[in-house]
Amino acid sequence: MSFKYPVYNPYLTGREKEFVLDCIESTWISSKGKYIREFETRFASWLGVERAVTVCNGTVALHVALEALGIDRGDEVLVPTLTYIASANAVRYTGANVVFVDSERDYWQMDLRDAERKITTKTKAIMPVHLYGHASDMDATMALAKKHSLYVIEDCAEAIGTRYRGRPVGTFGDVACFSFFGNKTITTGEGGMVVSNNPKIAARVEHLKGQGLAKDREYWHDAIGFNYRMTNLCAAIGCAQMYTIDEVIAKKQRIAEWYRESLADVPVEVHRTQPNTFHSFWMVSILTTEAEDRDPLRAKLKDNGIETRPLFFPIHQMDMYKSNGASFPVAESIALRGINLPSYPALTRDDVWQICAHVREYFHDRGSK
């Protein structure tokens, strides 16, 4: 089904086509070529980190980052249950165990009080996920990690451009991971990036992502690695996207503000922003007051050509991750009431007004019954 207002569309200017054609004409279309290093260099400079290493998607970015830190079978990693499943899957790829953490109510990020309660002698790392573009509390996260000697892996897949106390997310932890899937703030189609200010960790990621190839001996492998390399074609798109990254983030700020203004008199809650956070609004998300309104509202919007998404299901509810008797009431409540609204950069103020008019109409009609 095609929608008048899809939930997301990438922002492409034509430079992407130019760079991809240049890449094709050069014949360097696989994992070597000038665009790989250029993308890494430009992204690292823009973010303000020492090293950025391209990989083929955001999930493997998390996996290879965990491997580079030595996370292994029997270890435990703290992960919010309210996140995309890749955060948990990457931990399980290493053989480590996922320990789920509830959300805090106001901003939907990991509840660090709950996290501390779940730390054991086996806990080796904590993975704050900057959910939907809002930052986790990184001061408290880093303090908790220091107190218990934990690694910090920042999952920034949804948080390109997000800042905490003026500092970009992805620059706090031992390592951080970004996604460039087609619906992310900037895209390479499929792609990811691992960043770190620790040169040893970055070098380890570089080594492992390319099949553990020895540095000074051709076709000699000195570690069990992975084929997680980004193609030069994808990196060419990424280089083009870097030209408009700040423009896209600014557009998304305006879109979020238009939604907030247009929904001010409607019984929904637009995702709040903590005072010390620059929320990049990967997705503009709302909560209905009552869970039973969420799906009928989505159906109403769909009937009017407006695509939406539910918030992520808490991972602990899925069969392969079910926790016997575990309770995550805040995450479950948020997930049952949450909707992602169209959030693509080309939306206009009038587009947002039209979308919100249907939200307003739903609640008007419900109140009239």
Protein backbone atom coordinates (compact mmCIF):
# COMPACT_ATOMS: atom_id res chain seq x y z
CA MET A 1 0.00 0.00 0.00
CA SER A 2 1.28 3.44 -0.88
CA PHE A 3 0.76 6.28 1.56
CA LYS A 4 0.37 10.00 0.97
CA TYR A 5 2.45 10.43 4.13
CA PRO A 6 4.88 7.52 4.66
CA VAL A 7 6.46 7.15 8.07
CA TYR A 8 9.86 7.84 6.55
CA ASN A 9 11.65 8.62 3.28
CA PRO A 10 15.39 9.23 2.88
CA TYR A 11 16.56 12.73 2.01
CA LEU A 12 18.42 12.43 -1.30
CA THR A 13 19.70 15.44 -3.23
CA GLY A 14 21.28 13.97 -6.37
CA ARG A 15 24.85 14.05 -5.09
CA GLU A 16 24.34 10.41 -4.06
CA LYS A 17 23.83 9.41 -7.70
CA GLU A 18 26.89 11.41 -8.74
CA PHE A 19 29.15 9.70 -6.21
CA VAL A 20 27.77 6.20 -6.88
CA LEU A 21 28.32 6.61 -10.63
CA ASP A 22 31.87 7.79 -9.93
CA CYS A 23 32.36 4.70 -7.79
CA ILE A 24 31.06 2.40 -10.55
CA GLU A 25 33.24 4.03 -13.16
CA SER A 26 36.28 3.54 -10.94
CA THR A 27 35.40 -0.21 -10.71
CA TRP A 28 36.01 -0.06 -6.92
CA ILE A 29 32.57 -1.27 -5.86
CA SER A 30 33.34 -3.70 -3.02
CA SER A 31 35.09 -3.08 0.29
CA LYS A 32 38.01 -1.02 -1.03
CA GLY A 33 38.02 2.42 -2.60
CA LYS A 34 38.35 6.07 -1.75
CA TYR A 35 34.85 6.56 -0.37
CA ILE A 36 35.35 4.12 2.53
CA ARG A 37 38.10 6.17 4.19
CA GLU A 38 36.50 9.46 3.20
CA PHE A 39 33.23 8.52 4.88
CA GLU A 40 35.03 7.32 8.01
CA THR A 41 37.12 10.47 8.19
CA ARG A 42 34.24 12.85 7.60
CA PHE A 43 31.94 11.13 10.08
CA ALA A 44 34.62 11.00 12.79
CA SER A 45 35.39 14.69 12.28
CA TRP A 46 31.70 15.67 12.33
CA LEU A 47 31.05 13.65 15.49
CA GLY A 48 34.30 14.60 17.22
CA VAL A 49 35.87 11.18 17.80
CA GLU A 50 39.30 9.78 17.08
CA ARG A 51 38.25 6.87 14.89
CA ALA A 52 35.24 5.74 12.91
CA VAL A 53 35.14 2.32 11.24
CA THR A 54 32.55 1.46 8.59
CA VAL A 55 30.63 -1.82 8.72
CA CYS A 56 27.80 -3.25 6.67
CA ASN A 57 24.91 -2.49 9.06
CA GLY A 58 24.06 -1.29 12.53
CA THR A 59 23.49 -4.74 14.03
CA VAL A 60 26.95 -6.00 13.13
CA ALA A 61 28.36 -2.71 14.40
CA LEU A 62 27.07 -3.67 17.85
CA HIS A 63 28.30 -7.25 17.50
CA VAL A 64 31.85 -6.40 16.43
CA ALA A 65 32.05 -3.68 19.09
CA LEU A 66 31.13 -6.21 21.78
CA GLU A 67 33.65 -8.67 20.37
CA ALA A 68 36.34 -5.99 20.35
CA LEU A 69 35.72 -5.45 24.07
CA GLY A 70 36.09 -9.17 24.74
CA ILE A 71 32.47 -9.79 25.77
CA ASP A 72 32.13 -13.56 25.84
CA ARG A 73 30.09 -16.57 26.88
CA GLY A 74 28.80 -16.32 30.43
CA ASP A 75 29.18 -12.54 30.64
CA GLU A 76 26.16 -10.33 31.21
CA VAL A 77 25.28 -7.10 29.40
CA LEU A 78 22.60 -4.67 30.62
CA VAL A 79 20.22 -3.68 27.80
CA PRO A 80 16.92 -1.77 27.92
CA THR A 81 14.00 -4.01 27.05
CA LEU A 82 12.33 -1.16 25.13
CA THR A 83 14.54 -1.06 22.06
CA TYR A 84 14.88 -2.65 18.64
CA ILE A 85 15.76 -6.32 18.91
CA ALA A 86 19.21 -5.85 17.33
CA SER A 87 20.51 -4.46 20.63
CA ALA A 88 19.81 -7.77 22.37
CA ASN A 89 20.65 -10.02 19.41
CA ALA A 90 24.14 -8.57 19.12
CA VAL A 91 24.83 -9.51 22.74
CA ARG A 92 23.64 -13.06 22.18
CA TYR A 93 25.87 -13.42 19.11
CA THR A 94 28.85 -13.22 21.47
CA GLY A 95 27.45 -15.94 23.72
CA ALA A 96 26.88 -13.46 26.53
CA ASN A 97 23.55 -13.11 28.34
CA VAL A 98 21.21 -10.17 28.00
CA VAL A 99 19.94 -8.69 31.26
CA PHE A 100 16.93 -6.54 30.52
CA VAL A 101 16.29 -3.20 32.20
CA ASP A 102 13.05 -1.25 32.49
CA SER A 103 12.53 2.29 31.13
CA GLU A 104 12.20 5.56 32.98
CA ARG A 105 8.77 7.09 32.56
CA ASP A 106 9.41 10.63 31.34
CA TYR A 107 11.89 10.18 28.50
CA TRP A 108 11.66 6.42 27.82
CA GLN A 109 15.38 5.75 28.30
CA MET A 110 17.02 3.03 30.38
CA ASP A 111 16.12 3.19 34.08
CA LEU A 112 19.55 3.28 35.68
CA ARG A 113 18.20 2.52 39.14
CA ASP A 114 16.77 -0.72 37.77
CA ALA A 115 20.07 -1.33 35.95
CA GLU A 116 22.09 -1.07 39.15
CA ARG A 117 19.79 -3.51 40.93
CA LYS A 118 20.57 -6.09 38.25
CA ILE A 119 24.37 -5.87 38.30
CA THR A 120 26.09 -9.11 39.34
CA THR A 121 29.66 -10.41 39.36
CA LYS A 122 29.04 -11.53 35.77
CA THR A 123 28.02 -8.08 34.49
CA LYS A 124 30.65 -6.80 32.09
CA ALA A 125 28.94 -4.01 30.16
CA ILE A 126 25.99 -1.67 29.89
CA MET A 127 24.38 -0.67 26.59
CA PRO A 128 22.47 2.62 26.78
CA VAL A 129 20.22 2.97 23.74
CA HIS A 130 19.43 6.57 22.78
CA LEU A 131 15.86 5.64 21.94
CA TYR A 132 14.10 7.48 19.09
CA GLY A 133 16.73 10.22 19.17
CA HIS A 134 16.57 11.18 22.84
CA ALA A 135 19.78 10.80 24.85
CA SER A 136 20.19 8.48 27.78
CA ASP A 137 21.49 10.13 30.95
CA MET A 138 25.17 9.71 30.15
CA ASP A 139 26.50 11.35 33.32
CA ALA A 140 24.68 8.77 35.42
CA THR A 141 25.50 5.96 33.00
CA MET A 142 29.22 6.67 33.07
CA ALA A 143 29.19 7.03 36.87
CA LEU A 144 27.43 3.68 37.20
CA ALA A 145 29.90 2.05 34.80
CA LYS A 146 32.87 3.46 36.70
CA LYS A 147 31.46 2.33 40.04
CA HIS A 148 31.07 -1.26 38.84
CA SER A 149 33.96 -1.41 36.30
CA LEU A 150 31.68 -1.89 33.30
CA TYR A 151 32.28 -1.23 29.63
CA VAL A 152 29.84 1.22 28.00
CA ILE A 153 28.58 0.49 24.49
CA GLU A 154 26.38 3.33 23.20
CA ASP A 155 23.70 2.24 20.76
CA CYS A 156 23.30 5.41 18.68
CA ALA A 157 21.42 3.79 15.78
CA GLU A 158 18.52 6.22 16.22
CA ALA A 159 20.48 9.19 17.53
CA ILE A 160 22.59 10.76 14.81
CA GLY A 161 22.87 14.40 15.89
CA THR A 162 21.63 13.88 19.45
CA ARG A 163 23.60 15.72 22.15
CA TYR A 164 23.77 15.37 25.92
CA ARG A 165 24.89 18.49 27.79
CA GLY A 166 26.18 19.86 24.50
CA ARG A 167 28.24 16.78 23.66
CA PRO A 168 27.29 14.35 20.88
CA VAL A 169 26.12 10.93 21.94
CA GLY A 170 28.58 8.34 20.78
CA THR A 171 31.50 10.20 22.36
CA PHE A 172 30.92 9.10 25.98
CA GLY A 173 31.34 5.33 26.09
CA ASP A 174 34.20 2.98 25.34
CA VAL A 175 32.65 2.42 21.93
CA ALA A 176 29.51 3.53 20.08
CA CYS A 177 27.55 2.24 17.12
CA PHE A 178 25.49 3.98 14.44
CA SER A 179 23.11 2.73 11.76
CA PHE A 180 22.64 4.07 8.25
CA PHE A 181 19.62 2.01 7.23
CA GLY A 182 17.26 3.65 4.74
CA ASN A 183 15.04 5.16 7.44
CA LYS A 184 17.83 6.66 9.54
CA THR A 185 18.75 10.35 9.73
CA ILE A 186 21.44 9.78 7.10
CA THR A 187 21.58 6.59 5.07
CA THR A 188 23.84 4.41 3.00
CA GLY A 189 20.96 2.04 2.15
CA GLU A 190 22.42 -0.50 4.55
CA GLY A 191 25.40 0.38 6.68
CA GLY A 192 26.80 1.12 10.08
CA MET A 193 29.70 2.75 11.88
CA VAL A 194 31.65 1.87 15.01
CA VAL A 195 33.35 4.82 16.69
CA SER A 196 35.77 5.09 19.58
CA ASN A 197 38.31 7.41 21.15
CA ASN A 198 40.32 4.33 22.16
CA PRO A 199 42.72 3.47 19.31
CA LYS A 200 43.12 -0.13 20.49
CA ILE A 201 39.39 -0.76 20.39
CA ALA A 202 39.06 0.85 16.95
CA ALA A 203 41.98 -1.21 15.63
CA ARG A 204 40.40 -4.37 17.02
CA VAL A 205 37.11 -3.55 15.27
CA GLU A 206 38.98 -2.90 12.01
CA HIS A 207 40.77 -6.23 12.36
CA LEU A 208 37.70 -8.30 13.20
CA LYS A 209 35.38 -6.81 10.56
CA GLY A 210 37.67 -8.01 7.75
CA GLN A 211 37.92 -11.74 8.58
CA GLY A 212 40.73 -11.26 11.10
CA LEU A 213 43.24 -10.63 8.31
CA ALA A 214 46.81 -10.18 9.50
CA LYS A 215 48.16 -6.70 8.93
CA ASP A 216 51.51 -7.55 7.34
CA ARG A 217 50.95 -10.93 5.67
CA GLU A 218 48.74 -11.52 2.64
CA TYR A 219 45.86 -13.98 3.09
CA TRP A 220 47.02 -14.86 6.60
CA HIS A 221 44.36 -14.69 9.30
CA ASP A 222 45.37 -14.46 12.94
CA ALA A 223 41.90 -14.23 14.50
CA ILE A 224 38.42 -15.57 13.85
CA GLY A 225 36.83 -12.53 12.28
CA PHE A 226 33.74 -11.60 10.30
CA ASN A 227 32.86 -10.32 6.86
CA TYR A 228 31.31 -7.09 8.12
CA ARG A 229 32.83 -4.65 5.65
CA MET A 230 30.89 -1.79 4.05
CA THR A 231 31.05 -1.52 0.28
CA ASN A 232 32.56 1.47 -1.46
CA LEU A 233 29.16 1.96 -3.14
CA CYS A 234 27.43 2.37 0.20
CA ALA A 235 30.21 4.62 1.47
CA ALA A 236 29.79 6.82 -1.62
CA ILE A 237 26.16 7.39 -0.62
CA GLY A 238 27.31 8.09 2.93
CA CYS A 239 29.79 10.71 1.74
CA ALA A 240 27.02 12.44 -0.20
CA GLN A 241 24.74 12.36 2.84
CA MET A 242 27.37 14.08 4.98
CA TYR A 243 26.86 17.24 2.91
CA THR A 244 23.29 17.61 4.21
CA ILE A 245 23.48 16.00 7.67
CA ASP A 246 23.11 19.25 9.61
CA GLU A 247 20.33 20.44 7.30
CA VAL A 248 18.39 17.21 7.89
CA ILE A 249 18.77 17.46 11.66
CA ALA A 250 17.52 21.06 11.57
CA LYS A 251 14.53 20.02 9.46
CA LYS A 252 13.64 17.29 11.94
CA GLN A 253 13.76 19.81 14.79
CA ARG A 254 11.23 21.98 12.96
CA ILE A 255 8.99 18.99 12.22
CA ALA A 256 8.95 17.97 15.89
CA GLU A 257 8.05 21.50 16.92
CA TRP A 258 5.22 21.62 14.35
CA TYR A 259 3.82 18.38 15.77
CA ARG A 260 4.10 19.70 19.31
CA GLU A 261 2.25 22.90 18.37
CA SER A 262 -0.42 21.09 16.35
CA LEU A 263 -1.11 18.47 19.03
CA ALA A 264 -1.07 20.85 22.01
CA ASP A 265 -4.83 20.54 22.57
CA VAL A 266 -5.07 16.80 21.82
CA PRO A 267 -4.96 14.07 24.54
CA VAL A 268 -1.64 12.62 23.41
CA GLU A 269 1.87 13.13 24.74
CA VAL A 270 4.61 14.02 22.25
CA HIS A 271 7.94 12.49 23.25
CA ARG A 272 9.37 14.89 25.81
CA THR A 273 12.85 16.36 25.77
CA GLN A 274 14.95 16.46 28.92
CA PRO A 275 16.36 19.99 29.49
CA ASN A 276 20.00 18.91 29.09
CA THR A 277 19.35 17.01 25.86
CA PHE A 278 19.26 17.99 22.19
CA HIS A 279 16.67 15.51 20.90
CA SER A 280 17.36 14.71 17.23
CA PHE A 281 13.85 13.25 16.71
CA TRP A 282 14.75 10.35 14.45
CA MET A 283 11.06 9.61 14.82
CA VAL A 284 8.46 11.95 16.25
CA SER A 285 6.59 9.69 18.66
CA ILE A 286 3.43 10.13 20.69
CA LEU A 287 1.72 8.26 23.51
CA THR A 288 -2.04 7.92 23.79
CA THR A 289 -3.38 8.27 27.32
CA GLU A 290 -5.18 4.94 27.08
CA ALA A 291 -3.68 1.89 25.39
CA GLU A 292 -7.01 1.01 23.76
CA ASP A 293 -6.81 4.21 21.66
CA ARG A 294 -3.48 3.36 20.04
CA ASP A 295 -4.56 0.87 17.36
CA PRO A 296 -7.87 2.57 16.40
CA LEU A 297 -5.99 5.85 16.01
CA ARG A 298 -3.42 4.15 13.77
CA ALA A 299 -6.25 2.63 11.72
CA LYS A 300 -7.86 6.06 11.34
CA LEU A 301 -4.60 7.53 10.10
CA LYS A 302 -4.00 4.61 7.73
CA ASP A 303 -7.47 5.09 6.21
CA ASN A 304 -6.43 8.66 5.43
CA GLY A 305 -3.15 7.76 3.74
CA ILE A 306 -0.93 8.28 6.78
CA GLU A 307 1.56 5.55 7.64
CA THR A 308 2.52 5.06 11.28
CA ARG A 309 4.43 2.49 13.31
CA PRO A 310 3.90 1.18 16.82
CA LEU A 311 6.75 1.65 19.24
CA PHE A 312 9.03 -1.33 19.63
CA PHE A 313 7.68 -4.31 21.54
CA PRO A 314 9.69 -4.85 24.74
CA ILE A 315 12.15 -7.58 23.87
CA HIS A 316 11.54 -9.57 27.05
CA GLN A 317 8.06 -10.38 25.72
CA MET A 318 9.42 -12.26 22.70
CA ASP A 319 9.64 -16.05 22.89
CA MET A 320 13.42 -16.32 22.61
CA TYR A 321 13.97 -13.72 25.34
CA LYS A 322 11.07 -14.35 27.71
CA SER A 323 12.00 -13.77 31.33
CA ASN A 324 10.01 -15.85 33.79
CA GLY A 325 8.18 -13.58 36.18
CA ALA A 326 10.20 -10.48 35.27
CA SER A 327 8.31 -7.21 35.44
CA PHE A 328 8.97 -4.19 33.25
CA PRO A 329 5.82 -2.10 33.82
CA VAL A 330 7.04 1.22 32.45
CA ALA A 331 8.44 -0.20 29.21
CA GLU A 332 5.29 -2.25 28.69
CA SER A 333 3.02 0.75 29.25
CA ILE A 334 4.99 2.97 26.87
CA ALA A 335 5.07 0.29 24.18
CA LEU A 336 1.31 -0.32 24.34
CA ARG A 337 0.51 3.38 23.90
CA GLY A 338 3.20 4.57 21.49
CA ILE A 339 3.01 5.59 17.84
CA ASN A 340 5.73 6.81 15.46
CA LEU A 341 4.33 9.51 13.17
CA PRO A 342 5.64 10.46 9.71
CA SER A 343 9.03 12.04 10.37
CA TYR A 344 10.81 12.40 7.04
CA PRO A 345 12.73 15.62 6.34
CA ALA A 346 10.65 16.76 3.35
CA LEU A 347 7.49 17.21 5.46
CA THR A 348 6.10 20.74 5.46
CA ARG A 349 4.20 22.58 8.16
CA ASP A 350 0.99 22.04 6.16
CA ASP A 351 1.70 18.30 5.90
CA VAL A 352 2.07 18.08 9.67
CA TRP A 353 -1.11 20.12 10.16
CA GLN A 354 -3.02 17.72 7.88
CA ILE A 355 -1.73 14.68 9.78
CA CYS A 356 -2.60 16.21 13.14
CA ALA A 357 -6.06 17.19 11.91
CA HIS A 358 -6.87 13.49 11.57
CA VAL A 359 -5.51 12.79 15.05
CA ARG A 360 -7.71 15.58 16.39
CA GLU A 361 -10.70 14.24 14.44
CA TYR A 362 -10.25 10.77 15.95
CA PHE A 363 -10.48 12.09 19.50
CA HIS A 364 -13.36 14.41 18.61
CA ASP A 365 -15.33 11.51 17.15
CA ARG A 366 -14.54 9.28 20.10
CA GLY A 367 -15.72 11.97 22.52
CA SER A 368 -18.97 12.40 20.61
CA LYS A 369 -19.96 8.76 20.96
